[in-house]
Amino acid sequence: MKKDLKFYLNKALKEGFCLGALNFSNMECLQGIIDGAKATNSPIIISVSEGALKYMQDDYCMALANVARKNKGIFLHLDHGKSYEICKKAVDLGFDSVMIDGSSLDYAENIKLTKKVVDYAHKKEVLVEAELGQIKGIEDEVSSASHHYTDPIQALEFVKKTGVDTLAVAIGTSHGAYKYSGEKTLRFDILSDIEKLLPAFPLVLHGASTVDQELVNKINKFGGEMKSATGIPAELLVKAVKEHNIVKINTDTDLRLAITSAVREVLMQNPSIFDPRDYLKVGREQVKQITIKKIKKVFFSENKL
């Protein structure tokens, strides 16, 4: 019997690891993610945002994803679906899970929209993730100028009323490559309060890229301008995974940094190159290496298939 996504989320909850949800928007990024997962014998979620789906186009995206899903323990997820229509579309395309992001709506409207998506997706055996609270930052088509922490009492009611399978919580992570201007911290007290009310419920962290400074420095060295880029310290993510019920961590920015840093280096050092294969294969390898690093040092999902 094929092990489904719910199996691995429950396994992660019991065994103290998490599934990395790694975003892709082209073939090379996806290949790098899959190569990294295969090299570590790790389950992985390949995520597509609304913007990435639009960029790749439905048929091309699904063709790539379906090739990837021939491998054991690979699952396709819609990241930050902002409407019922985009979530329904992803369900109908054959995604394994969808995220309905009603976090910008008022609480009652978020419940109403989420419940509508859950009712449709569950008929097709597709899992649903939702978000309560709001994560600051900008990434792809997701944007918020302020941060609103998840209310634990609301989290309990929200899960009961919507029937969601996982819940993304706002405890201080942030979208994009410029996450902190001051103290780097996460509100583990809020996370603990949520877990007291929702024991053994699978929780998710968004905006959790570490923004590897080695990659940032490489981008800057080879003509980029990312002088103040900073991410979530890896030790905070490790604590969230090892000591709390975080079973899924989203990573997008780190993969963008990986492929961009590699491509910049190749083109700057070899200005005569014009064949995309010559630089994209190097970018693909860098994505593979950052995926392996995440799996081993943050997700702890190595050999969990």
Foldseek 3Di string as FASTA:
>chain_A
DADAPLNLLLVLQVPQFAAEAEEDQDLLLLLLLLLLCVVQVFAHEYEYEPQSCVNCDLVSVLVSQVVSPVDGRYFYEYPADAALVVLLVCLVSPGQEYEHEPQVPPLVVQLVRLLVNCVNNVVSNHAYEYEHWDAADDDRPDHDPDGGFGQLVSLLVSCVSRVHQEYETGFQAHADQQRDPDDQDGRVVRQVSNCVSVPSGAYEYENADQNDVVLVVLCVVLPHDDVRGGGHPLVRLSCCRRVGRHHYYYDYNVLVSQLNSQLSVVCSVPVVDDDVVVRSNSSSNSSNVVSNVCCVRRRVRRSVD
